[in-house]
Amino acid sequence: MSTEPGFSSLREALADVVAIPVTPFTPDDTVDTVAHRALVRRLLDGGVRTLTPNGNTGEYYALDPDERRAVTELTLEESAGRAAVLVGVGLDVPTAVASARHARDAGAQMVMVHQPVHPYVSQDGWLDYHRAIAEAVPELGVVPYVRSPHLRGERMARLGELCPNVVGVKYAVPDAAQFAAFARDAGLERFVWIAGLAELYAPAYFSAGATGFTSGLVNISPSISLEMLAALRAGDHAAAMKVWERIRPLEELRAAHRSADNVTVVKEALAALGLCRRDVRPPSSPLPQKRRAEVAGLVAGWGI
């Protein structure tokens, strides 16, 4: 079963660099809306055409409900038709539904459903969770964020049968072979497949059927992420891997220790460029001085 024709433009938007903007903070630990707007404009001016406010790189779980709504509205105001906006929603079903409806009313075209954080998630419960959200906003495209290696592709296929507005899948299990199998069990052509582990995994996932990838690194350098996308679209694996080699040291810093410094490294790089403060909220933590210098050195080598 295919998605409805009205969702075709959304599918195109997902087959791209799906940028996850950071959420900058002021010295008194409120959302820095001035810096946030400037960072979003920088992404747009750099050629980014798909934005995910309230993603993990945006510290979704560290924001309160009012802040999440404000980030959604700010992103939509700044994008003003220049980009598709895929708003992150999640937590319990009523909260996720309320967030999705707020995103719809604010003008968003799509929502990304964060991985359920409940400690007990059954296959059928996963399906029911996403179905409840998708059916509450039939006008919006819906993109599940799959991080569990235990979810079966057949459950994803069933969700697609029940909910035509489920248009894509952000797949973030670090196993390219498992991704290839999951996508084919779910329906390779039914959904847009997004490599949810960003640039380091994008070449491998594209070879198995992905057509877009998420990125936090894009906050630092939109041109680098778009360069990789162009190479992957052209089927130029060698060119894609040249970009991969350039960004690998920074991305490995982000991925170390079970991604403990994933957001911290991005904000440190932005601070080195003078674009926002380095502040993060618990359970993330600031980098030690040695690591700060390392990040600054890597970014300086990119010639931004």
C-alpha atoms as a PDB file:
ATOM      1  CA  MET A   1       0.000   0.000   0.000  1.00  0.00           C
ATOM      2  CA  SER A   2       1.429   3.358  -0.992  1.00  0.00           C
ATOM      3  CA  THR A   3       1.047   6.692   0.683  1.00  0.00           C
ATOM      4  CA  GLU A   4      -1.589   9.112  -0.579  1.00  0.00           C
ATOM      5  CA  PRO A   5      -0.576  11.376  -3.510  1.00  0.00           C
ATOM      6  CA  GLY A   6      -0.753  14.478  -1.307  1.00  0.00           C
ATOM      7  CA  PHE A   7       2.275  13.262   0.625  1.00  0.00           C
ATOM      8  CA  SER A   8       4.597  13.069  -2.391  1.00  0.00           C
ATOM      9  CA  SER A   9       6.248  16.421  -1.649  1.00  0.00           C
ATOM     10  CA  LEU A  10       6.885  15.283   1.918  1.00  0.00           C
ATOM     11  CA  ARG A  11       8.600  12.157   0.665  1.00  0.00           C
ATOM     12  CA  GLU A  12      10.894  14.345  -1.427  1.00  0.00           C
ATOM     13  CA  ALA A  13      11.715  16.479   1.615  1.00  0.00           C
ATOM     14  CA  LEU A  14      12.745  13.404   3.604  1.00  0.00           C
ATOM     15  CA  ALA A  15      15.056  12.154   0.844  1.00  0.00           C
ATOM     16  CA  ASP A  16      17.529  14.871   1.751  1.00  0.00           C
ATOM     17  CA  VAL A  17      19.736  16.133   4.575  1.00  0.00           C
ATOM     18  CA  VAL A  18      17.328  16.188   7.513  1.00  0.00           C
ATOM     19  CA  ALA A  19      18.904  18.809   9.773  1.00  0.00           C
ATOM     20  CA  ILE A  20      18.476  18.618  13.553  1.00  0.00           C
ATOM     21  CA  PRO A  21      19.081  22.151  14.874  1.00  0.00           C
ATOM     22  CA  VAL A  22      20.634  22.605  18.306  1.00  0.00           C
ATOM     23  CA  THR A  23      18.752  24.555  20.973  1.00  0.00           C
ATOM     24  CA  PRO A  24      21.063  27.299  22.289  1.00  0.00           C
ATOM     25  CA  PHE A  25      20.720  28.550  25.859  1.00  0.00           C
ATOM     26  CA  THR A  26      21.327  31.914  27.518  1.00  0.00           C
ATOM     27  CA  PRO A  27      23.581  32.359  30.585  1.00  0.00           C
ATOM     28  CA  ASP A  28      20.493  32.036  32.792  1.00  0.00           C
ATOM     29  CA  ASP A  29      19.532  28.716  31.149  1.00  0.00           C
ATOM     30  CA  THR A  30      16.593  29.825  29.042  1.00  0.00           C
ATOM     31  CA  VAL A  31      16.250  29.190  25.324  1.00  0.00           C
ATOM     32  CA  ASP A  32      18.278  31.810  23.472  1.00  0.00           C
ATOM     33  CA  THR A  33      15.714  32.712  20.821  1.00  0.00           C
ATOM     34  CA  VAL A  34      17.953  35.286  19.129  1.00  0.00           C
ATOM     35  CA  ALA A  35      20.785  32.787  18.635  1.00  0.00           C
ATOM     36  CA  HIS A  36      18.299  30.066  17.728  1.00  0.00           C
ATOM     37  CA  ARG A  37      16.770  32.141  14.945  1.00  0.00           C
ATOM     38  CA  ALA A  38      20.223  33.013  13.632  1.00  0.00           C
ATOM     39  CA  LEU A  39      21.254  29.332  13.577  1.00  0.00           C
ATOM     40  CA  VAL A  40      18.085  28.330  11.723  1.00  0.00           C
ATOM     41  CA  ARG A  41      18.620  31.119   9.176  1.00  0.00           C
ATOM     42  CA  ARG A  42      22.219  29.968   8.734  1.00  0.00           C
ATOM     43  CA  LEU A  43      20.995  26.455   7.903  1.00  0.00           C
ATOM     44  CA  LEU A  44      18.458  27.794   5.419  1.00  0.00           C
ATOM     45  CA  ASP A  45      20.952  30.149   3.803  1.00  0.00           C
ATOM     46  CA  GLY A  46      23.367  27.229   3.559  1.00  0.00           C
ATOM     47  CA  GLY A  47      20.912  25.244   1.436  1.00  0.00           C
ATOM     48  CA  VAL A  48      19.194  23.042   4.019  1.00  0.00           C
ATOM     49  CA  ARG A  49      15.591  22.283   3.066  1.00  0.00           C
ATOM     50  CA  THR A  50      14.374  19.977   5.837  1.00  0.00           C
ATOM     51  CA  LEU A  51      14.471  20.853   9.545  1.00  0.00           C
ATOM     52  CA  THR A  52      13.635  18.842  12.657  1.00  0.00           C
ATOM     53  CA  PRO A  53      13.032  21.051  15.689  1.00  0.00           C
ATOM     54  CA  ASN A  54      12.862  19.085  18.945  1.00  0.00           C
ATOM     55  CA  GLY A  55      15.177  16.342  17.772  1.00  0.00           C
ATOM     56  CA  ASN A  56      17.770  14.654  19.957  1.00  0.00           C
ATOM     57  CA  THR A  57      20.475  17.126  18.880  1.00  0.00           C
ATOM     58  CA  GLY A  58      18.018  19.826  19.962  1.00  0.00           C
ATOM     59  CA  GLU A  59      17.977  18.307  23.482  1.00  0.00           C
ATOM     60  CA  TYR A  60      14.310  17.348  23.213  1.00  0.00           C
ATOM     61  CA  TYR A  61      14.232  15.515  26.539  1.00  0.00           C
ATOM     62  CA  ALA A  62      15.834  18.441  28.397  1.00  0.00           C
ATOM     63  CA  LEU A  63      13.236  20.973  27.224  1.00  0.00           C
ATOM     64  CA  ASP A  64      10.001  21.620  29.081  1.00  0.00           C
ATOM     65  CA  PRO A  65       6.664  21.592  27.180  1.00  0.00           C
ATOM     66  CA  ASP A  66       6.557  25.368  26.749  1.00  0.00           C
ATOM     67  CA  GLU A  67      10.099  25.375  25.390  1.00  0.00           C
ATOM     68  CA  ARG A  68       9.320  22.597  22.928  1.00  0.00           C
ATOM     69  CA  ARG A  69       6.329  24.539  21.637  1.00  0.00           C
ATOM     70  CA  ALA A  70       8.397  27.715  21.389  1.00  0.00           C
ATOM     71  CA  VAL A  71      11.145  25.917  19.442  1.00  0.00           C
ATOM     72  CA  THR A  72       8.534  24.542  17.043  1.00  0.00           C
ATOM     73  CA  GLU A  73       6.995  27.950  16.441  1.00  0.00           C
ATOM     74  CA  LEU A  74      10.343  29.690  16.086  1.00  0.00           C
ATOM     75  CA  THR A  75      11.527  27.182  13.475  1.00  0.00           C
ATOM     76  CA  LEU A  76       8.330  27.496  11.473  1.00  0.00           C
ATOM     77  CA  GLU A  77       8.477  31.291  11.569  1.00  0.00           C
ATOM     78  CA  GLU A  78      12.077  31.395  10.391  1.00  0.00           C
ATOM     79  CA  SER A  79      11.648  28.749   7.697  1.00  0.00           C
ATOM     80  CA  ALA A  80       8.585  30.561   6.277  1.00  0.00           C
ATOM     81  CA  GLY A  81       8.139  28.134   3.414  1.00  0.00           C
ATOM     82  CA  ARG A  82      11.854  27.796   2.669  1.00  0.00           C
ATOM     83  CA  ALA A  83      12.035  24.343   4.251  1.00  0.00           C
ATOM     84  CA  ALA A  84       9.845  21.427   5.225  1.00  0.00           C
ATOM     85  CA  VAL A  85       9.527  21.187   9.006  1.00  0.00           C
ATOM     86  CA  LEU A  86       9.447  17.781  10.701  1.00  0.00           C
ATOM     87  CA  VAL A  87       8.648  18.397  14.376  1.00  0.00           C
ATOM     88  CA  GLY A  88       9.859  15.938  17.010  1.00  0.00           C
ATOM     89  CA  VAL A  89       7.096  14.635  19.300  1.00  0.00           C
ATOM     90  CA  GLY A  90       7.001  11.876  21.900  1.00  0.00           C
ATOM     91  CA  LEU A  91       6.661  10.770  25.544  1.00  0.00           C
ATOM     92  CA  ASP A  92       3.210   9.460  26.580  1.00  0.00           C
ATOM     93  CA  VAL A  93       0.492   9.220  23.934  1.00  0.00           C
ATOM     94  CA  PRO A  94      -1.580  12.257  25.092  1.00  0.00           C
ATOM     95  CA  THR A  95       1.569  14.417  25.199  1.00  0.00           C
ATOM     96  CA  ALA A  96       2.702  13.221  21.778  1.00  0.00           C
ATOM     97  CA  VAL A  97      -0.755  13.790  20.279  1.00  0.00           C
ATOM     98  CA  ALA A  98      -0.989  17.276  21.789  1.00  0.00           C
ATOM     99  CA  SER A  99       2.466  18.123  20.435  1.00  0.00           C
ATOM    100  CA  ALA A 100       1.559  16.800  16.986  1.00  0.00           C
ATOM    101  CA  ARG A 101      -1.635  18.845  16.916  1.00  0.00           C
ATOM    102  CA  HIS A 102       0.268  21.927  18.038  1.00  0.00           C
ATOM    103  CA  ALA A 103       2.779  21.347  15.237  1.00  0.00           C
ATOM    104  CA  ARG A 104      -0.071  21.027  12.731  1.00  0.00           C
ATOM    105  CA  ASP A 105      -1.788  24.173  13.958  1.00  0.00           C
ATOM    106  CA  ALA A 106       1.506  26.090  13.846  1.00  0.00           C
ATOM    107  CA  GLY A 107       1.985  25.132  10.198  1.00  0.00           C
ATOM    108  CA  ALA A 108       4.249  22.077  10.227  1.00  0.00           C
ATOM    109  CA  GLN A 109       3.939  19.472   7.494  1.00  0.00           C
ATOM    110  CA  MET A 110       5.294  16.454   9.382  1.00  0.00           C
ATOM    111  CA  VAL A 111       6.108  15.026  12.782  1.00  0.00           C
ATOM    112  CA  MET A 112       8.874  12.649  13.806  1.00  0.00           C
ATOM    113  CA  VAL A 113       7.829  10.326  16.611  1.00  0.00           C
ATOM    114  CA  HIS A 114      10.668   9.804  19.073  1.00  0.00           C
ATOM    115  CA  GLN A 115      11.433   6.263  20.134  1.00  0.00           C
ATOM    116  CA  PRO A 116       9.155   5.229  23.040  1.00  0.00           C
ATOM    117  CA  VAL A 117      11.002   5.651  26.342  1.00  0.00           C
ATOM    118  CA  HIS A 118       8.817   3.259  28.347  1.00  0.00           C
ATOM    119  CA  PRO A 119      10.929   0.378  29.732  1.00  0.00           C
ATOM    120  CA  TYR A 120       8.460  -2.243  28.454  1.00  0.00           C
ATOM    121  CA  VAL A 121       7.745  -1.974  24.735  1.00  0.00           C
ATOM    122  CA  SER A 122       6.031  -4.840  22.937  1.00  0.00           C
ATOM    123  CA  GLN A 123       5.818  -5.185  19.165  1.00  0.00           C
ATOM    124  CA  ASP A 124       2.060  -4.618  19.201  1.00  0.00           C
ATOM    125  CA  GLY A 125       2.393  -1.835  21.770  1.00  0.00           C
ATOM    126  CA  TRP A 126       4.868  -0.055  19.492  1.00  0.00           C
ATOM    127  CA  LEU A 127       2.338  -0.308  16.679  1.00  0.00           C
ATOM    128  CA  ASP A 128      -0.519   0.970  18.850  1.00  0.00           C
ATOM    129  CA  TYR A 129       1.574   3.901  20.083  1.00  0.00           C
ATOM    130  CA  HIS A 130       2.442   5.134  16.609  1.00  0.00           C
ATOM    131  CA  ARG A 131      -1.015   4.428  15.219  1.00  0.00           C
ATOM    132  CA  ALA A 132      -2.628   6.582  17.929  1.00  0.00           C
ATOM    133  CA  ILE A 133      -0.392   9.515  17.020  1.00  0.00           C
ATOM    134  CA  ALA A 134      -0.706   9.108  13.243  1.00  0.00           C
ATOM    135  CA  GLU A 135      -4.500   8.826  13.376  1.00  0.00           C
ATOM    136  CA  ALA A 136      -4.740  11.960  15.526  1.00  0.00           C
ATOM    137  CA  VAL A 137      -3.112  14.066  12.765  1.00  0.00           C
ATOM    138  CA  PRO A 138      -4.108  12.483   9.437  1.00  0.00           C
ATOM    139  CA  GLU A 139      -3.164  15.709   7.631  1.00  0.00           C
ATOM    140  CA  LEU A 140       0.480  15.406   8.634  1.00  0.00           C
ATOM    141  CA  GLY A 141       3.212  13.141   7.386  1.00  0.00           C
ATOM    142  CA  VAL A 142       4.483  10.907  10.198  1.00  0.00           C
ATOM    143  CA  VAL A 143       8.001   9.505  10.566  1.00  0.00           C
ATOM    144  CA  PRO A 144       8.740   6.915  13.286  1.00  0.00           C
ATOM    145  CA  TYR A 145      12.215   7.092  14.783  1.00  0.00           C
ATOM    146  CA  VAL A 146      13.373   3.478  15.074  1.00  0.00           C
ATOM    147  CA  ARG A 147      16.258   2.869  17.478  1.00  0.00           C
ATOM    148  CA  SER A 148      15.428  -0.631  18.697  1.00  0.00           C
ATOM    149  CA  PRO A 149      17.097  -3.591  16.972  1.00  0.00           C
ATOM    150  CA  HIS A 150      14.242  -5.760  18.197  1.00  0.00           C
ATOM    151  CA  LEU A 151      11.428  -4.184  16.183  1.00  0.00           C
ATOM    152  CA  ARG A 152      10.356  -6.382  13.274  1.00  0.00           C
ATOM    153  CA  GLY A 153       9.862  -5.003   9.795  1.00  0.00           C
ATOM    154  CA  GLU A 154       6.454  -6.641   9.636  1.00  0.00           C
ATOM    155  CA  ARG A 155       5.203  -4.301  12.373  1.00  0.00           C
ATOM    156  CA  MET A 156       6.394  -1.321  10.351  1.00  0.00           C
ATOM    157  CA  ALA A 157       4.640  -2.712   7.293  1.00  0.00           C
ATOM    158  CA  ARG A 158       1.406  -3.080   9.279  1.00  0.00           C
ATOM    159  CA  LEU A 159       1.637   0.514  10.505  1.00  0.00           C
ATOM    160  CA  GLY A 160       1.956   1.643   6.898  1.00  0.00           C
ATOM    161  CA  GLU A 161      -1.137  -0.336   5.948  1.00  0.00           C
ATOM    162  CA  LEU A 162      -3.183   1.201   8.753  1.00  0.00           C
ATOM    163  CA  CYS A 163      -1.880   4.777   8.449  1.00  0.00           C
ATOM    164  CA  PRO A 164      -1.315   6.170   4.926  1.00  0.00           C
ATOM    165  CA  ASN A 165       0.243   9.304   6.408  1.00  0.00           C
ATOM    166  CA  VAL A 166       3.233   7.366   7.762  1.00  0.00           C
ATOM    167  CA  VAL A 167       5.571   8.400   4.970  1.00  0.00           C
ATOM    168  CA  GLY A 168       9.085   7.670   6.161  1.00  0.00           C
ATOM    169  CA  VAL A 169      11.263   5.914   8.710  1.00  0.00           C
ATOM    170  CA  LYS A 170      14.241   7.356  10.543  1.00  0.00           C
ATOM    171  CA  TYR A 171      16.270   4.207  11.168  1.00  0.00           C
ATOM    172  CA  ALA A 172      18.989   4.506  13.787  1.00  0.00           C
ATOM    173  CA  VAL A 173      20.176   0.997  14.568  1.00  0.00           C
ATOM    174  CA  PRO A 174      23.965   0.813  13.950  1.00  0.00           C
ATOM    175  CA  ASP A 175      23.831  -2.256  11.727  1.00  0.00           C
ATOM    176  CA  ALA A 176      23.653  -1.789   7.946  1.00  0.00           C
ATOM    177  CA  ALA A 177      22.745  -5.420   7.302  1.00  0.00           C
ATOM    178  CA  GLN A 178      19.885  -5.254   9.782  1.00  0.00           C
ATOM    179  CA  PHE A 179      18.708  -2.015   8.193  1.00  0.00           C
ATOM    180  CA  ALA A 180      18.675  -3.639   4.749  1.00  0.00           C
ATOM    181  CA  ALA A 181      16.579  -6.541   6.030  1.00  0.00           C
ATOM    182  CA  PHE A 182      14.217  -4.340   8.055  1.00  0.00           C
ATOM    183  CA  ALA A 183      13.575  -1.990   5.130  1.00  0.00           C
ATOM    184  CA  ARG A 184      12.757  -4.868   2.817  1.00  0.00           C
ATOM    185  CA  ASP A 185      10.493  -6.575   5.346  1.00  0.00           C
ATOM    186  CA  ALA A 186       8.694  -3.286   5.968  1.00  0.00           C
ATOM    187  CA  GLY A 187       8.505  -2.188   2.343  1.00  0.00           C
ATOM    188  CA  LEU A 188      11.468  -0.592   0.630  1.00  0.00           C
ATOM    189  CA  GLU A 189       9.317   1.463  -1.738  1.00  0.00           C
ATOM    190  CA  ARG A 190       6.485   2.111   0.733  1.00  0.00           C
ATOM    191  CA  PHE A 191       8.528   4.418   2.979  1.00  0.00           C
ATOM    192  CA  VAL A 192      11.295   6.959   2.570  1.00  0.00           C
ATOM    193  CA  TRP A 193      14.269   5.501   4.427  1.00  0.00           C
ATOM    194  CA  ILE A 194      16.360   7.984   6.379  1.00  0.00           C
ATOM    195  CA  ALA A 195      19.759   7.013   7.768  1.00  0.00           C
ATOM    196  CA  GLY A 196      19.157   8.142  11.333  1.00  0.00           C
ATOM    197  CA  LEU A 197      22.785   7.842  12.432  1.00  0.00           C
ATOM    198  CA  ALA A 198      23.932  10.726  10.249  1.00  0.00           C
ATOM    199  CA  GLU A 199      26.933  11.066   7.975  1.00  0.00           C
ATOM    200  CA  LEU A 200      29.085   8.271   9.410  1.00  0.00           C
ATOM    201  CA  TYR A 201      26.462   5.677   8.504  1.00  0.00           C
ATOM    202  CA  ALA A 202      24.976   7.370   5.438  1.00  0.00           C
ATOM    203  CA  PRO A 203      27.190   5.713   2.777  1.00  0.00           C
ATOM    204  CA  ALA A 204      26.481   2.212   4.083  1.00  0.00           C
ATOM    205  CA  TYR A 205      22.770   2.868   4.536  1.00  0.00           C
ATOM    206  CA  PHE A 206      22.405   4.472   1.099  1.00  0.00           C
ATOM    207  CA  SER A 207      23.888   1.328  -0.438  1.00  0.00           C
ATOM    208  CA  ALA A 208      21.046  -0.607   1.227  1.00  0.00           C
ATOM    209  CA  GLY A 209      18.204   1.713   0.214  1.00  0.00           C
ATOM    210  CA  ALA A 210      18.261   4.926   2.263  1.00  0.00           C
ATOM    211  CA  THR A 211      17.715   8.139   0.308  1.00  0.00           C
ATOM    212  CA  GLY A 212      18.151  10.703   3.105  1.00  0.00           C
ATOM    213  CA  PHE A 213      20.135  11.102   6.288  1.00  0.00           C
ATOM    214  CA  THR A 214      19.795  13.083   9.480  1.00  0.00           C
ATOM    215  CA  SER A 215      22.531  15.431  10.609  1.00  0.00           C
ATOM    216  CA  GLY A 216      23.607  17.345  13.677  1.00  0.00           C
ATOM    217  CA  LEU A 217      26.958  18.152  12.082  1.00  0.00           C
ATOM    218  CA  VAL A 218      25.055  20.266   9.538  1.00  0.00           C
ATOM    219  CA  ASN A 219      24.709  22.911  12.267  1.00  0.00           C
ATOM    220  CA  ILE A 220      28.466  23.408  12.007  1.00  0.00           C
ATOM    221  CA  SER A 221      28.855  23.231   8.229  1.00  0.00           C
ATOM    222  CA  PRO A 222      25.804  22.880   5.965  1.00  0.00           C
ATOM    223  CA  SER A 223      28.064  22.662   2.914  1.00  0.00           C
ATOM    224  CA  ILE A 224      29.854  19.531   4.137  1.00  0.00           C
ATOM    225  CA  SER A 225      26.611  17.635   4.741  1.00  0.00           C
ATOM    226  CA  LEU A 226      25.195  18.739   1.390  1.00  0.00           C
ATOM    227  CA  GLU A 227      28.436  17.711  -0.314  1.00  0.00           C
ATOM    228  CA  MET A 228      28.005  14.194   1.028  1.00  0.00           C
ATOM    229  CA  LEU A 229      24.359  14.107  -0.079  1.00  0.00           C
ATOM    230  CA  ALA A 230      25.310  15.178  -3.610  1.00  0.00           C
ATOM    231  CA  ALA A 231      27.944  12.447  -3.813  1.00  0.00           C
ATOM    232  CA  LEU A 232      25.543   9.793  -2.545  1.00  0.00           C
ATOM    233  CA  ARG A 233      22.828  10.859  -4.966  1.00  0.00           C
ATOM    234  CA  ALA A 234      25.324  10.676  -7.814  1.00  0.00           C
ATOM    235  CA  GLY A 235      26.417   7.211  -6.754  1.00  0.00           C
ATOM    236  CA  ASP A 236      29.953   8.506  -6.289  1.00  0.00           C
ATOM    237  CA  HIS A 237      31.040   6.380  -3.350  1.00  0.00           C
ATOM    238  CA  ALA A 238      34.643   7.592  -3.486  1.00  0.00           C
ATOM    239  CA  ALA A 239      33.576  11.230  -3.185  1.00  0.00           C
ATOM    240  CA  ALA A 240      31.195  10.402  -0.337  1.00  0.00           C
ATOM    241  CA  MET A 241      33.960   8.609   1.519  1.00  0.00           C
ATOM    242  CA  LYS A 242      36.281  11.602   1.135  1.00  0.00           C
ATOM    243  CA  VAL A 243      33.707  13.636   3.049  1.00  0.00           C
ATOM    244  CA  TRP A 244      33.362  10.749   5.506  1.00  0.00           C
ATOM    245  CA  GLU A 245      37.112  10.781   6.160  1.00  0.00           C
ATOM    246  CA  ARG A 246      37.078  14.551   6.733  1.00  0.00           C
ATOM    247  CA  ILE A 247      34.320  14.460   9.332  1.00  0.00           C
ATOM    248  CA  ARG A 248      35.180  11.147  10.973  1.00  0.00           C
ATOM    249  CA  PRO A 249      37.321  12.529  13.841  1.00  0.00           C
ATOM    250  CA  LEU A 250      34.591  14.924  14.985  1.00  0.00           C
ATOM    251  CA  GLU A 251      31.796  12.391  14.570  1.00  0.00           C
ATOM    252  CA  GLU A 252      33.756   9.803  16.532  1.00  0.00           C
ATOM    253  CA  LEU A 253      34.079  12.296  19.387  1.00  0.00           C
ATOM    254  CA  ARG A 254      30.292  12.626  19.312  1.00  0.00           C
ATOM    255  CA  ALA A 255      29.759   8.868  19.248  1.00  0.00           C
ATOM    256  CA  ALA A 256      32.243   7.992  22.027  1.00  0.00           C
ATOM    257  CA  HIS A 257      31.041   6.621  25.359  1.00  0.00           C
ATOM    258  CA  ARG A 258      27.599   5.711  23.997  1.00  0.00           C
ATOM    259  CA  SER A 259      27.177   9.197  22.483  1.00  0.00           C
ATOM    260  CA  ALA A 260      27.598  10.930  25.839  1.00  0.00           C
ATOM    261  CA  ASP A 261      28.970  14.064  24.152  1.00  0.00           C
ATOM    262  CA  ASN A 262      26.830  13.954  21.011  1.00  0.00           C
ATOM    263  CA  VAL A 263      25.232  17.369  21.495  1.00  0.00           C
ATOM    264  CA  THR A 264      28.076  18.799  23.547  1.00  0.00           C
ATOM    265  CA  VAL A 265      30.587  18.447  20.702  1.00  0.00           C
ATOM    266  CA  VAL A 266      28.275  20.182  18.226  1.00  0.00           C
ATOM    267  CA  LYS A 267      27.679  23.081  20.603  1.00  0.00           C
ATOM    268  CA  GLU A 268      31.389  23.305  21.359  1.00  0.00           C
ATOM    269  CA  ALA A 269      32.094  23.603  17.649  1.00  0.00           C
ATOM    270  CA  LEU A 270      29.453  26.311  17.306  1.00  0.00           C
ATOM    271  CA  ALA A 271      30.940  28.129  20.298  1.00  0.00           C
ATOM    272  CA  ALA A 272      34.370  27.971  18.639  1.00  0.00           C
ATOM    273  CA  LEU A 273      32.790  29.643  15.605  1.00  0.00           C
ATOM    274  CA  GLY A 274      31.161  32.290  17.805  1.00  0.00           C
ATOM    275  CA  LEU A 275      27.631  31.220  16.875  1.00  0.00           C
ATOM    276  CA  CYS A 276      26.172  30.255  20.263  1.00  0.00           C
ATOM    277  CA  ARG A 277      27.134  29.363  23.810  1.00  0.00           C
ATOM    278  CA  ARG A 278      28.458  25.886  24.591  1.00  0.00           C
ATOM    279  CA  ASP A 279      25.914  25.315  27.397  1.00  0.00           C
ATOM    280  CA  VAL A 280      24.062  22.000  27.514  1.00  0.00           C
ATOM    281  CA  ARG A 281      21.582  20.688  30.052  1.00  0.00           C
ATOM    282  CA  PRO A 282      21.865  17.539  32.185  1.00  0.00           C
ATOM    283  CA  PRO A 283      22.194  14.667  31.575  1.00  0.00           C
ATOM    284  CA  SER A 284      24.657  16.048  29.007  1.00  0.00           C
ATOM    285  CA  SER A 285      27.695  17.851  30.390  1.00  0.00           C
ATOM    286  CA  PRO A 286      30.356  20.316  29.156  1.00  0.00           C
ATOM    287  CA  LEU A 287      33.596  19.106  27.620  1.00  0.00           C
ATOM    288  CA  PRO A 288      36.861  19.345  29.557  1.00  0.00           C
ATOM    289  CA  GLN A 289      39.270  21.990  28.295  1.00  0.00           C
ATOM    290  CA  LYS A 290      41.465  19.500  26.417  1.00  0.00           C
ATOM    291  CA  ARG A 291      38.495  18.248  24.405  1.00  0.00           C
ATOM    292  CA  ARG A 292      37.353  21.810  23.723  1.00  0.00           C
ATOM    293  CA  ALA A 293      40.688  22.580  22.128  1.00  0.00           C
ATOM    294  CA  GLU A 294      40.500  19.384  20.086  1.00  0.00           C
ATOM    295  CA  VAL A 295      37.063  20.280  18.728  1.00  0.00           C
ATOM    296  CA  ALA A 296      38.158  23.826  17.911  1.00  0.00           C
ATOM    297  CA  GLY A 297      41.170  22.477  16.052  1.00  0.00           C
ATOM    298  CA  LEU A 298      39.105  20.073  13.978  1.00  0.00           C
ATOM    299  CA  VAL A 299      36.615  22.771  13.001  1.00  0.00           C
ATOM    300  CA  ALA A 300      39.416  25.182  12.121  1.00  0.00           C
ATOM    301  CA  GLY A 301      40.724  22.564   9.711  1.00  0.00           C
ATOM    302  CA  TRP A 302      37.439  22.634   7.806  1.00  0.00           C
ATOM    303  CA  GLY A 303      37.998  26.251   6.810  1.00  0.00           C
ATOM    304  CA  ILE A 304      34.500  27.419   7.783  1.00  0.00           C
END
